[in-house]
Amino acid sequence: MARLRELALLLAGHGGAALGAMALPDGGGLAWVENARGLLMHRLRLVQGRMADYCIVAPTEWNFHPAGALPAALRDAPAHDLDALRRRTRMLVDSLDPCVACSVEFEDA
């Protein structure tokens, strides 16, 4: 839904992706774009015209970080119905559209 909403807004001439780029003092650069899944960042460093270092931070890393969207959405979720909690968790994981294969596991404490 977020992707469709973003596309509709862009086609209607409203809003736009938050994006940017900047040079870094180490001879590299940083670029970012906000998209339907969240913030995507790329950083690279060049040495003598060749890439010496490259790093990407994908929305999945923000969303699934301990302080990210998934833990925030699950915090204080009722746990008296384990099947309902499993369904809710799977729905939330799927809605965040991780860019890697994942599975949800529960362990009894």
PDB file of N, CA and C in Angstrom:
ATOM      1  N   MET A   1       0.820  -1.183   0.000  1.00  0.00           N
ATOM      2  CA  MET A   1       0.000   0.000   0.000  1.00  0.00           C
ATOM      3  C   MET A   1       0.868   1.254   0.000  1.00  0.00           C
ATOM      4  N   ALA A   2       1.962   1.225   0.758  1.00  0.00           N
ATOM      5  CA  ALA A   2       2.831   2.408   0.815  1.00  0.00           C
ATOM      6  C   ALA A   2       3.413   2.715  -0.559  1.00  0.00           C
ATOM      7  N   ARG A   3       3.774   1.681  -1.284  1.00  0.00           N
ATOM      8  CA  ARG A   3       4.328   1.890  -2.622  1.00  0.00           C
ATOM      9  C   ARG A   3       3.293   2.487  -3.564  1.00  0.00           C
ATOM     10  N   LEU A   4       2.068   1.981  -3.499  1.00  0.00           N
ATOM     11  CA  LEU A   4       1.004   2.512  -4.351  1.00  0.00           C
ATOM     12  C   LEU A   4       0.685   3.954  -3.981  1.00  0.00           C
ATOM     13  N   ARG A   5       0.639   4.246  -2.695  1.00  0.00           N
ATOM     14  CA  ARG A   5       0.374   5.621  -2.246  1.00  0.00           C
ATOM     15  C   ARG A   5       1.473   6.554  -2.724  1.00  0.00           C
ATOM     16  N   GLU A   6       2.729   6.131  -2.580  1.00  0.00           N
ATOM     17  CA  GLU A   6       3.857   6.953  -3.013  1.00  0.00           C
ATOM     18  C   GLU A   6       3.788   7.209  -4.513  1.00  0.00           C
ATOM     19  N   LEU A   7       3.488   6.182  -5.288  1.00  0.00           N
ATOM     20  CA  LEU A   7       3.368   6.329  -6.733  1.00  0.00           C
ATOM     21  C   LEU A   7       2.244   7.284  -7.090  1.00  0.00           C
ATOM     22  N   ALA A   8       1.098   7.147  -6.433  1.00  0.00           N
ATOM     23  CA  ALA A   8      -0.033   8.036  -6.707  1.00  0.00           C
ATOM     24  C   ALA A   8       0.320   9.489  -6.402  1.00  0.00           C
ATOM     25  N   LEU A   9       1.000   9.733  -5.303  1.00  0.00           N
ATOM     26  CA  LEU A   9       1.407  11.096  -4.960  1.00  0.00           C
ATOM     27  C   LEU A   9       2.389  11.661  -5.971  1.00  0.00           C
ATOM     28  N   LEU A  10       3.347  10.855  -6.384  1.00  0.00           N
ATOM     29  CA  LEU A  10       4.319  11.311  -7.372  1.00  0.00           C
ATOM     30  C   LEU A  10       3.642  11.626  -8.704  1.00  0.00           C
ATOM     31  N   LEU A  11       2.729  10.758  -9.145  1.00  0.00           N
ATOM     32  CA  LEU A  11       2.026  10.987 -10.414  1.00  0.00           C
ATOM     33  C   LEU A  11       1.135  12.221 -10.349  1.00  0.00           C
ATOM     34  N   ALA A  12       0.626  12.525  -9.160  1.00  0.00           N
ATOM     35  CA  ALA A  12      -0.235  13.698  -8.995  1.00  0.00           C
ATOM     36  C   ALA A  12       0.581  14.978  -8.795  1.00  0.00           C
ATOM     37  N   GLY A  13       1.900  14.851  -8.759  1.00  0.00           N
ATOM     38  CA  GLY A  13       2.750  16.022  -8.593  1.00  0.00           C
ATOM     39  C   GLY A  13       2.886  16.494  -7.158  1.00  0.00           C
ATOM     40  N   HIS A  14       2.496  15.648  -6.219  1.00  0.00           N
ATOM     41  CA  HIS A  14       2.598  15.999  -4.796  1.00  0.00           C
ATOM     42  C   HIS A  14       3.760  15.259  -4.171  1.00  0.00           C
ATOM     43  N   GLY A  15       4.463  15.950  -3.344  1.00  0.00           N
ATOM     44  CA  GLY A  15       5.551  15.306  -2.631  1.00  0.00           C
ATOM     45  C   GLY A  15       6.657  14.888  -3.570  1.00  0.00           C
ATOM     46  N   GLY A  16       7.387  14.003  -3.157  1.00  0.00           N
ATOM     47  CA  GLY A  16       8.515  13.487  -3.910  1.00  0.00           C
ATOM     48  C   GLY A  16       9.450  12.810  -2.939  1.00  0.00           C
ATOM     49  N   ALA A  17      10.290  12.017  -3.471  1.00  0.00           N
ATOM     50  CA  ALA A  17      11.216  11.287  -2.621  1.00  0.00           C
ATOM     51  C   ALA A  17      12.223  12.247  -2.005  1.00  0.00           C
ATOM     52  N   ALA A  18      12.469  12.088  -0.721  1.00  0.00           N
ATOM     53  CA  ALA A  18      13.540  12.826  -0.073  1.00  0.00           C
ATOM     54  C   ALA A  18      14.833  12.169  -0.515  1.00  0.00           C
ATOM     55  N   LEU A  19      15.631  12.898  -1.233  1.00  0.00           N
ATOM     56  CA  LEU A  19      16.882  12.319  -1.722  1.00  0.00           C
ATOM     57  C   LEU A  19      17.963  13.369  -1.707  1.00  0.00           C
ATOM     58  N   GLY A  20      19.179  12.900  -1.743  1.00  0.00           N
ATOM     59  CA  GLY A  20      20.287  13.829  -1.758  1.00  0.00           C
ATOM     60  C   GLY A  20      21.599  13.101  -1.901  1.00  0.00           C
ATOM     61  N   ALA A  21      22.631  13.883  -2.055  1.00  0.00           N
ATOM     62  CA  ALA A  21      23.979  13.354  -2.168  1.00  0.00           C
ATOM     63  C   ALA A  21      24.938  14.432  -1.702  1.00  0.00           C
ATOM     64  N   MET A  22      26.078  14.006  -1.205  1.00  0.00           N
ATOM     65  CA  MET A  22      27.085  14.963  -0.769  1.00  0.00           C
ATOM     66  C   MET A  22      28.464  14.338  -0.839  1.00  0.00           C
ATOM     67  N   ALA A  23      29.449  15.172  -1.091  1.00  0.00           N
ATOM     68  CA  ALA A  23      30.837  14.723  -1.091  1.00  0.00           C
ATOM     69  C   ALA A  23      31.317  14.654   0.356  1.00  0.00           C
ATOM     70  N   LEU A  24      32.180  13.707   0.622  1.00  0.00           N
ATOM     71  CA  LEU A  24      32.761  13.549   1.952  1.00  0.00           C
ATOM     72  C   LEU A  24      34.237  13.927   1.895  1.00  0.00           C
ATOM     73  N   PRO A  25      34.789  14.409   2.998  1.00  0.00           N
ATOM     74  CA  PRO A  25      36.177  14.876   2.980  1.00  0.00           C
ATOM     75  C   PRO A  25      37.207  13.769   2.723  1.00  0.00           C
ATOM     76  N   ASP A  26      36.808  12.505   2.864  1.00  0.00           N
ATOM     77  CA  ASP A  26      37.762  11.406   2.651  1.00  0.00           C
ATOM     78  C   ASP A  26      37.862  10.995   1.189  1.00  0.00           C
ATOM     79  N   GLY A  27      37.289  11.800   0.292  1.00  0.00           N
ATOM     80  CA  GLY A  27      37.333  11.469  -1.133  1.00  0.00           C
ATOM     81  C   GLY A  27      36.176  10.591  -1.557  1.00  0.00           C
ATOM     82  N   GLY A  28      35.199  10.488  -0.741  1.00  0.00           N
ATOM     83  CA  GLY A  28      34.054   9.647  -1.047  1.00  0.00           C
ATOM     84  C   GLY A  28      32.783  10.452  -1.162  1.00  0.00           C
ATOM     85  N   GLY A  29      31.692   9.751  -1.066  1.00  0.00           N
ATOM     86  CA  GLY A  29      30.407  10.404  -1.165  1.00  0.00           C
ATOM     87  C   GLY A  29      29.342   9.634  -0.425  1.00  0.00           C
ATOM     88  N   LEU A  30      28.244  10.320  -0.161  1.00  0.00           N
ATOM     89  CA  LEU A  30      27.101   9.753   0.528  1.00  0.00           C
ATOM     90  C   LEU A  30      25.866  10.124  -0.274  1.00  0.00           C
ATOM     91  N   ALA A  31      24.996   9.152  -0.494  1.00  0.00           N
ATOM     92  CA  ALA A  31      23.735   9.408  -1.201  1.00  0.00           C
ATOM     93  C   ALA A  31      22.621   8.701  -0.461  1.00  0.00           C
ATOM     94  N   TRP A  32      21.427   9.291  -0.508  1.00  0.00           N
ATOM     95  CA  TRP A  32      20.294   8.710   0.198  1.00  0.00           C
ATOM     96  C   TRP A  32      19.010   8.990  -0.548  1.00  0.00           C
ATOM     97  N   VAL A  33      18.053   8.105  -0.337  1.00  0.00           N
ATOM     98  CA  VAL A  33      16.709   8.284  -0.890  1.00  0.00           C
ATOM     99  C   VAL A  33      15.715   7.637   0.067  1.00  0.00           C
ATOM    100  N   GLU A  34      14.645   8.342   0.318  1.00  0.00           N
ATOM    101  CA  GLU A  34      13.553   7.814   1.134  1.00  0.00           C
ATOM    102  C   GLU A  34      12.576   7.152   0.175  1.00  0.00           C
ATOM    103  N   ASN A  35      12.250   5.899   0.409  1.00  0.00           N
ATOM    104  CA  ASN A  35      11.304   5.206  -0.459  1.00  0.00           C
ATOM    105  C   ASN A  35      10.224   4.535   0.393  1.00  0.00           C
ATOM    106  N   ALA A  36       9.384   3.777  -0.238  1.00  0.00           N
ATOM    107  CA  ALA A  36       8.234   3.194   0.462  1.00  0.00           C
ATOM    108  C   ALA A  36       8.646   2.326   1.645  1.00  0.00           C
ATOM    109  N   ARG A  37       9.785   1.683   1.570  1.00  0.00           N
ATOM    110  CA  ARG A  37      10.221   0.812   2.663  1.00  0.00           C
ATOM    111  C   ARG A  37      11.016   1.561   3.718  1.00  0.00           C
ATOM    112  N   GLY A  38      11.471   2.770   3.409  1.00  0.00           N
ATOM    113  CA  GLY A  38      12.263   3.542   4.366  1.00  0.00           C
ATOM    114  C   GLY A  38      13.487   4.141   3.710  1.00  0.00           C
ATOM    115  N   LEU A  39      14.430   4.552   4.517  1.00  0.00           N
ATOM    116  CA  LEU A  39      15.625   5.248   4.061  1.00  0.00           C
ATOM    117  C   LEU A  39      16.671   4.268   3.523  1.00  0.00           C
ATOM    118  N   LEU A  40      17.168   4.553   2.324  1.00  0.00           N
ATOM    119  CA  LEU A  40      18.248   3.771   1.703  1.00  0.00           C
ATOM    120  C   LEU A  40      19.452   4.691   1.571  1.00  0.00           C
ATOM    121  N   MET A  41      20.597   4.244   2.095  1.00  0.00           N
ATOM    122  CA  MET A  41      21.814   5.060   2.036  1.00  0.00           C
ATOM    123  C   MET A  41      22.957   4.264   1.417  1.00  0.00           C
ATOM    124  N   HIS A  42      23.775   4.990   0.635  1.00  0.00           N
ATOM    125  CA  HIS A  42      25.001   4.428   0.061  1.00  0.00           C
ATOM    126  C   HIS A  42      26.153   5.362   0.415  1.00  0.00           C
ATOM    127  N   ARG A  43      27.276   4.788   0.825  1.00  0.00           N
ATOM    128  CA  ARG A  43      28.479   5.573   1.088  1.00  0.00           C
ATOM    129  C   ARG A  43      29.649   4.875   0.417  1.00  0.00           C
ATOM    130  N   LEU A  44      30.486   5.668  -0.243  1.00  0.00           N
ATOM    131  CA  LEU A  44      31.677   5.090  -0.839  1.00  0.00           C
ATOM    132  C   LEU A  44      32.854   6.021  -0.661  1.00  0.00           C
ATOM    133  N   ARG A  45      34.031   5.445  -0.753  1.00  0.00           N
ATOM    134  CA  ARG A  45      35.270   6.206  -0.661  1.00  0.00           C
ATOM    135  C   ARG A  45      36.164   5.795  -1.817  1.00  0.00           C
ATOM    136  N   LEU A  46      36.727   6.786  -2.489  1.00  0.00           N
ATOM    137  CA  LEU A  46      37.619   6.547  -3.613  1.00  0.00           C
ATOM    138  C   LEU A  46      39.054   6.836  -3.197  1.00  0.00           C
ATOM    139  N   VAL A  47      39.964   6.017  -3.675  1.00  0.00           N
ATOM    140  CA  VAL A  47      41.394   6.239  -3.503  1.00  0.00           C
ATOM    141  C   VAL A  47      42.023   6.112  -4.876  1.00  0.00           C
ATOM    142  N   GLN A  48      42.656   7.162  -5.339  1.00  0.00           N
ATOM    143  CA  GLN A  48      43.277   7.206  -6.658  1.00  0.00           C
ATOM    144  C   GLN A  48      42.298   6.770  -7.748  1.00  0.00           C
ATOM    145  N   GLY A  49      41.078   7.255  -7.636  1.00  0.00           N
ATOM    146  CA  GLY A  49      40.069   6.992  -8.648  1.00  0.00           C
ATOM    147  C   GLY A  49      39.445   5.608  -8.620  1.00  0.00           C
ATOM    148  N   ARG A  50      39.760   4.845  -7.596  1.00  0.00           N
ATOM    149  CA  ARG A  50      39.187   3.497  -7.475  1.00  0.00           C
ATOM    150  C   ARG A  50      38.426   3.373  -6.160  1.00  0.00           C
ATOM    151  N   MET A  51      37.370   2.591  -6.196  1.00  0.00           N
ATOM    152  CA  MET A  51      36.578   2.402  -4.995  1.00  0.00           C
ATOM    153  C   MET A  51      37.380   1.620  -3.965  1.00  0.00           C
ATOM    154  N   ALA A  52      37.552   2.227  -2.796  1.00  0.00           N
ATOM    155  CA  ALA A  52      38.306   1.597  -1.721  1.00  0.00           C
ATOM    156  C   ALA A  52      37.385   1.079  -0.619  1.00  0.00           C
ATOM    157  N   ASP A  53      36.194   1.658  -0.533  1.00  0.00           N
ATOM    158  CA  ASP A  53      35.273   1.264   0.525  1.00  0.00           C
ATOM    159  C   ASP A  53      33.857   1.564   0.057  1.00  0.00           C
ATOM    160  N   TYR A  54      32.936   0.666   0.370  1.00  0.00           N
ATOM    161  CA  TYR A  54      31.539   0.857  -0.008  1.00  0.00           C
ATOM    162  C   TYR A  54      30.656   0.293   1.091  1.00  0.00           C
ATOM    163  N   CYS A  55      29.607   1.024   1.421  1.00  0.00           N
ATOM    164  CA  CYS A  55      28.680   0.584   2.464  1.00  0.00           C
ATOM    165  C   CYS A  55      27.267   0.962   2.052  1.00  0.00           C
ATOM    166  N   ILE A  56      26.332   0.073   2.289  1.00  0.00           N
ATOM    167  CA  ILE A  56      24.918   0.352   2.046  1.00  0.00           C
ATOM    168  C   ILE A  56      24.152   0.091   3.330  1.00  0.00           C
ATOM    169  N   VAL A  57      23.213   0.961   3.630  1.00  0.00           N
ATOM    170  CA  VAL A  57      22.296   0.747   4.748  1.00  0.00           C
ATOM    171  C   VAL A  57      20.900   0.743   4.147  1.00  0.00           C
ATOM    172  N   ALA A  58      20.288  -0.419   4.148  1.00  0.00           N
ATOM    173  CA  ALA A  58      18.972  -0.605   3.529  1.00  0.00           C
ATOM    174  C   ALA A  58      17.861  -0.376   4.553  1.00  0.00           C
ATOM    175  N   PRO A  59      16.649  -0.103   4.073  1.00  0.00           N
ATOM    176  CA  PRO A  59      15.525   0.079   4.992  1.00  0.00           C
ATOM    177  C   PRO A  59      15.333  -1.092   5.957  1.00  0.00           C
ATOM    178  N   THR A  60      15.641  -2.301   5.508  1.00  0.00           N
ATOM    179  CA  THR A  60      15.511  -3.469   6.377  1.00  0.00           C
ATOM    180  C   THR A  60      16.330  -3.295   7.650  1.00  0.00           C
ATOM    181  N   GLU A  61      17.520  -2.725   7.510  1.00  0.00           N
ATOM    182  CA  GLU A  61      18.377  -2.542   8.690  1.00  0.00           C
ATOM    183  C   GLU A  61      17.780  -1.546   9.678  1.00  0.00           C
ATOM    184  N   TRP A  62      17.106  -0.516   9.178  1.00  0.00           N
ATOM    185  CA  TRP A  62      16.441   0.444  10.068  1.00  0.00           C
ATOM    186  C   TRP A  62      15.198  -0.200  10.692  1.00  0.00           C
ATOM    187  N   ASN A  63      14.386  -0.858   9.876  1.00  0.00           N
ATOM    188  CA  ASN A  63      13.099  -1.386  10.331  1.00  0.00           C
ATOM    189  C   ASN A  63      13.238  -2.520  11.334  1.00  0.00           C
ATOM    190  N   PHE A  64      14.295  -3.335  11.203  1.00  0.00           N
ATOM    191  CA  PHE A  64      14.456  -4.499  12.060  1.00  0.00           C
ATOM    192  C   PHE A  64      15.494  -4.280  13.153  1.00  0.00           C
ATOM    193  N   HIS A  65      16.022  -3.083  13.259  1.00  0.00           N
ATOM    194  CA  HIS A  65      16.947  -2.709  14.329  1.00  0.00           C
ATOM    195  C   HIS A  65      16.195  -2.787  15.665  1.00  0.00           C
ATOM    196  N   PRO A  66      16.872  -3.086  16.764  1.00  0.00           N
ATOM    197  CA  PRO A  66      16.179  -3.153  18.053  1.00  0.00           C
ATOM    198  C   PRO A  66      15.370  -1.889  18.396  1.00  0.00           C
ATOM    199  N   ALA A  67      15.744  -0.743  17.851  1.00  0.00           N
ATOM    200  CA  ALA A  67      14.974   0.482  18.096  1.00  0.00           C
ATOM    201  C   ALA A  67      14.123   0.858  16.878  1.00  0.00           C
ATOM    202  N   GLY A  68      13.947  -0.082  15.950  1.00  0.00           N
ATOM    203  CA  GLY A  68      13.247   0.201  14.706  1.00  0.00           C
ATOM    204  C   GLY A  68      11.748  -0.034  14.761  1.00  0.00           C
ATOM    205  N   ALA A  69      11.159  -0.029  13.576  1.00  0.00           N
ATOM    206  CA  ALA A  69       9.702  -0.106  13.431  1.00  0.00           C
ATOM    207  C   ALA A  69       9.120  -1.429  13.943  1.00  0.00           C
ATOM    208  N   LEU A  70       9.761  -2.550  13.640  1.00  0.00           N
ATOM    209  CA  LEU A  70       9.193  -3.838  14.073  1.00  0.00           C
ATOM    210  C   LEU A  70       9.156  -3.970  15.592  1.00  0.00           C
ATOM    211  N   PRO A  71      10.280  -3.779  16.284  1.00  0.00           N
ATOM    212  CA  PRO A  71      10.189  -3.879  17.742  1.00  0.00           C
ATOM    213  C   PRO A  71       9.215  -2.874  18.349  1.00  0.00           C
ATOM    214  N   ALA A  72       9.153  -1.667  17.776  1.00  0.00           N
ATOM    215  CA  ALA A  72       8.220  -0.668  18.298  1.00  0.00           C
ATOM    216  C   ALA A  72       6.775  -1.132  18.130  1.00  0.00           C
ATOM    217  N   ALA A  73       6.477  -1.764  16.991  1.00  0.00           N
ATOM    218  CA  ALA A  73       5.110  -2.234  16.733  1.00  0.00           C
ATOM    219  C   ALA A  73       4.747  -3.427  17.610  1.00  0.00           C
ATOM    220  N   LEU A  74       5.729  -4.199  18.022  1.00  0.00           N
ATOM    221  CA  LEU A  74       5.458  -5.384  18.841  1.00  0.00           C
ATOM    222  C   LEU A  74       5.560  -5.119  20.339  1.00  0.00           C
ATOM    223  N   ARG A  75       6.160  -4.004  20.702  1.00  0.00           N
ATOM    224  CA  ARG A  75       6.328  -3.688  22.115  1.00  0.00           C
ATOM    225  C   ARG A  75       4.961  -3.643  22.804  1.00  0.00           C
ATOM    226  N   ASP A  76       4.868  -4.298  23.904  1.00  0.00           N
ATOM    227  CA  ASP A  76       3.640  -4.345  24.715  1.00  0.00           C
ATOM    228  C   ASP A  76       2.488  -5.064  24.020  1.00  0.00           C
ATOM    229  N   ALA A  77       2.786  -5.845  22.972  1.00  0.00           N
ATOM    230  CA  ALA A  77       1.724  -6.621  22.316  1.00  0.00           C
ATOM    231  C   ALA A  77       1.255  -7.715  23.273  1.00  0.00           C
ATOM    232  N   PRO A  78      -0.045  -7.946  23.340  1.00  0.00           N
ATOM    233  CA  PRO A  78      -0.534  -9.000  24.227  1.00  0.00           C
ATOM    234  C   PRO A  78       0.011 -10.359  23.795  1.00  0.00           C
ATOM    235  N   ALA A  79       0.433 -11.146  24.762  1.00  0.00           N
ATOM    236  CA  ALA A  79       1.028 -12.445  24.463  1.00  0.00           C
ATOM    237  C   ALA A  79       0.225 -13.603  25.024  1.00  0.00           C
ATOM    238  N   HIS A  80      -1.008 -13.349  25.452  1.00  0.00           N
ATOM    239  CA  HIS A  80      -1.801 -14.431  26.031  1.00  0.00           C
ATOM    240  C   HIS A  80      -2.278 -15.416  24.963  1.00  0.00           C
ATOM    241  N   ASP A  81      -2.357 -14.991  23.705  1.00  0.00           N
ATOM    242  CA  ASP A  81      -2.750 -15.870  22.592  1.00  0.00           C
ATOM    243  C   ASP A  81      -1.557 -15.959  21.642  1.00  0.00           C
ATOM    244  N   LEU A  82      -0.758 -17.016  21.821  1.00  0.00           N
ATOM    245  CA  LEU A  82       0.481 -17.160  21.059  1.00  0.00           C
ATOM    246  C   LEU A  82       0.220 -17.235  19.556  1.00  0.00           C
ATOM    247  N   ASP A  83      -0.849 -17.907  19.129  1.00  0.00           N
ATOM    248  CA  ASP A  83      -1.143 -17.984  17.699  1.00  0.00           C
ATOM    249  C   ASP A  83      -1.457 -16.605  17.126  1.00  0.00           C
ATOM    250  N   ALA A  84      -2.205 -15.794  17.852  1.00  0.00           N
ATOM    251  CA  ALA A  84      -2.516 -14.434  17.404  1.00  0.00           C
ATOM    252  C   ALA A  84      -1.247 -13.590  17.344  1.00  0.00           C
ATOM    253  N   LEU A  85      -0.365 -13.757  18.322  1.00  0.00           N
ATOM    254  CA  LEU A  85       0.897 -13.023  18.328  1.00  0.00           C
ATOM    255  C   LEU A  85       1.763 -13.434  17.145  1.00  0.00           C
ATOM    256  N   ARG A  86       1.791 -14.730  16.845  1.00  0.00           N
ATOM    257  CA  ARG A  86       2.549 -15.210  15.672  1.00  0.00           C
ATOM    258  C   ARG A  86       2.006 -14.588  14.384  1.00  0.00           C
ATOM    259  N   ARG A  87       0.673 -14.588  14.236  1.00  0.00           N
ATOM    260  CA  ARG A  87       0.060 -13.997  13.032  1.00  0.00           C
ATOM    261  C   ARG A  87       0.378 -12.505  12.933  1.00  0.00           C
ATOM    262  N   ARG A  88       0.240 -11.801  14.039  1.00  0.00           N
ATOM    263  CA  ARG A  88       0.526 -10.355  14.057  1.00  0.00           C
ATOM    264  C   ARG A  88       1.985 -10.083  13.683  1.00  0.00           C
ATOM    265  N   THR A  89       2.874 -10.868  14.263  1.00  0.00           N
ATOM    266  CA  THR A  89       4.302 -10.684  13.989  1.00  0.00           C
ATOM    267  C   THR A  89       4.598 -10.947  12.523  1.00  0.00           C
ATOM    268  N   ARG A  90       4.070 -12.039  11.975  1.00  0.00           N
ATOM    269  CA  ARG A  90       4.305 -12.362  10.561  1.00  0.00           C
ATOM    270  C   ARG A  90       3.737 -11.260   9.659  1.00  0.00           C
ATOM    271  N   MET A  91       2.553 -10.756   9.991  1.00  0.00           N
ATOM    272  CA  MET A  91       1.947  -9.681   9.206  1.00  0.00           C
ATOM    273  C   MET A  91       2.824  -8.429   9.242  1.00  0.00           C
ATOM    274  N   LEU A  92       3.333  -8.078  10.415  1.00  0.00           N
ATOM    275  CA  LEU A  92       4.189  -6.903  10.535  1.00  0.00           C
ATOM    276  C   LEU A  92       5.490  -7.084   9.755  1.00  0.00           C
ATOM    277  N   VAL A  93       6.098  -8.262   9.873  1.00  0.00           N
ATOM    278  CA  VAL A  93       7.332  -8.536   9.124  1.00  0.00           C
ATOM    279  C   VAL A  93       7.066  -8.415   7.627  1.00  0.00           C
ATOM    280  N   ASP A  94       5.985  -9.033   7.164  1.00  0.00           N
ATOM    281  CA  ASP A  94       5.659  -8.970   5.733  1.00  0.00           C
ATOM    282  C   ASP A  94       5.372  -7.536   5.283  1.00  0.00           C
ATOM    283  N   SER A  95       4.711  -6.749   6.131  1.00  0.00           N
ATOM    284  CA  SER A  95       4.376  -5.382   5.749  1.00  0.00           C
ATOM    285  C   SER A  95       5.613  -4.498   5.641  1.00  0.00           C
ATOM    286  N   LEU A  96       6.673  -4.845   6.380  1.00  0.00           N
ATOM    287  CA  LEU A  96       7.917  -4.088   6.292  1.00  0.00           C
ATOM    288  C   LEU A  96       8.766  -4.535   5.117  1.00  0.00           C
ATOM    289  N   ASP A  97       8.359  -5.616   4.448  1.00  0.00           N
ATOM    290  CA  ASP A  97       8.971  -6.053   3.197  1.00  0.00           C
ATOM    291  C   ASP A  97      10.494  -6.149   3.282  1.00  0.00           C
ATOM    292  N   PRO A  98      11.003  -7.036   4.143  1.00  0.00           N
ATOM    293  CA  PRO A  98      12.459  -7.143   4.246  1.00  0.00           C
ATOM    294  C   PRO A  98      13.078  -7.539   2.913  1.00  0.00           C
ATOM    295  N   CYS A  99      14.265  -7.032   2.650  1.00  0.00           N
ATOM    296  CA  CYS A  99      14.910  -7.292   1.365  1.00  0.00           C
ATOM    297  C   CYS A  99      15.738  -8.572   1.389  1.00  0.00           C
ATOM    298  N   VAL A 100      15.600  -9.347   2.430  1.00  0.00           N
ATOM    299  CA  VAL A 100      16.285 -10.633   2.547  1.00  0.00           C
ATOM    300  C   VAL A 100      15.283 -11.676   3.039  1.00  0.00           C
ATOM    301  N   ALA A 101      15.581 -12.930   2.789  1.00  0.00           N
ATOM    302  CA  ALA A 101      14.720 -13.996   3.295  1.00  0.00           C
ATOM    303  C   ALA A 101      14.759 -13.973   4.825  1.00  0.00           C
ATOM    304  N   CYS A 102      13.633 -14.232   5.439  1.00  0.00           N
ATOM    305  CA  CYS A 102      13.602 -14.222   6.895  1.00  0.00           C
ATOM    306  C   CYS A 102      12.587 -15.243   7.384  1.00  0.00           C
ATOM    307  N   SER A 103      12.687 -15.554   8.648  1.00  0.00           N
ATOM    308  CA  SER A 103      11.710 -16.427   9.286  1.00  0.00           C
ATOM    309  C   SER A 103      11.440 -15.866  10.676  1.00  0.00           C
ATOM    310  N   VAL A 104      10.297 -16.214  11.202  1.00  0.00           N
ATOM    311  CA  VAL A 104       9.916 -15.763  12.543  1.00  0.00           C
ATOM    312  C   VAL A 104       9.904 -16.988  13.444  1.00  0.00           C
ATOM    313  N   GLU A 105      10.622 -16.920  14.538  1.00  0.00           N
ATOM    314  CA  GLU A 105      10.685 -18.017  15.487  1.00  0.00           C
ATOM    315  C   GLU A 105      10.328 -17.508  16.873  1.00  0.00           C
ATOM    316  N   PHE A 106       9.600 -18.323  17.622  1.00  0.00           N
ATOM    317  CA  PHE A 106       9.247 -17.993  18.988  1.00  0.00           C
ATOM    318  C   PHE A 106       9.881 -19.016  19.914  1.00  0.00           C
ATOM    319  N   GLU A 107      10.393 -18.546  21.040  1.00  0.00           N
ATOM    320  CA  GLU A 107      10.937 -19.437  22.052  1.00  0.00           C
ATOM    321  C   GLU A 107      10.215 -19.144  23.349  1.00  0.00           C
ATOM    322  N   ASP A 108       9.857 -20.194  24.070  1.00  0.00           N
ATOM    323  CA  ASP A 108       9.243 -20.008  25.375  1.00  0.00           C
ATOM    324  C   ASP A 108      10.318 -19.613  26.372  1.00  0.00           C
ATOM    325  N   ALA A 109       9.967 -18.655  27.210  1.00  0.00           N
ATOM    326  CA  ALA A 109      10.924 -18.207  28.231  1.00  0.00           C
ATOM    327  C   ALA A 109      10.679 -18.932  29.533  1.00  0.00           C
TER     328      ALA A 109
END
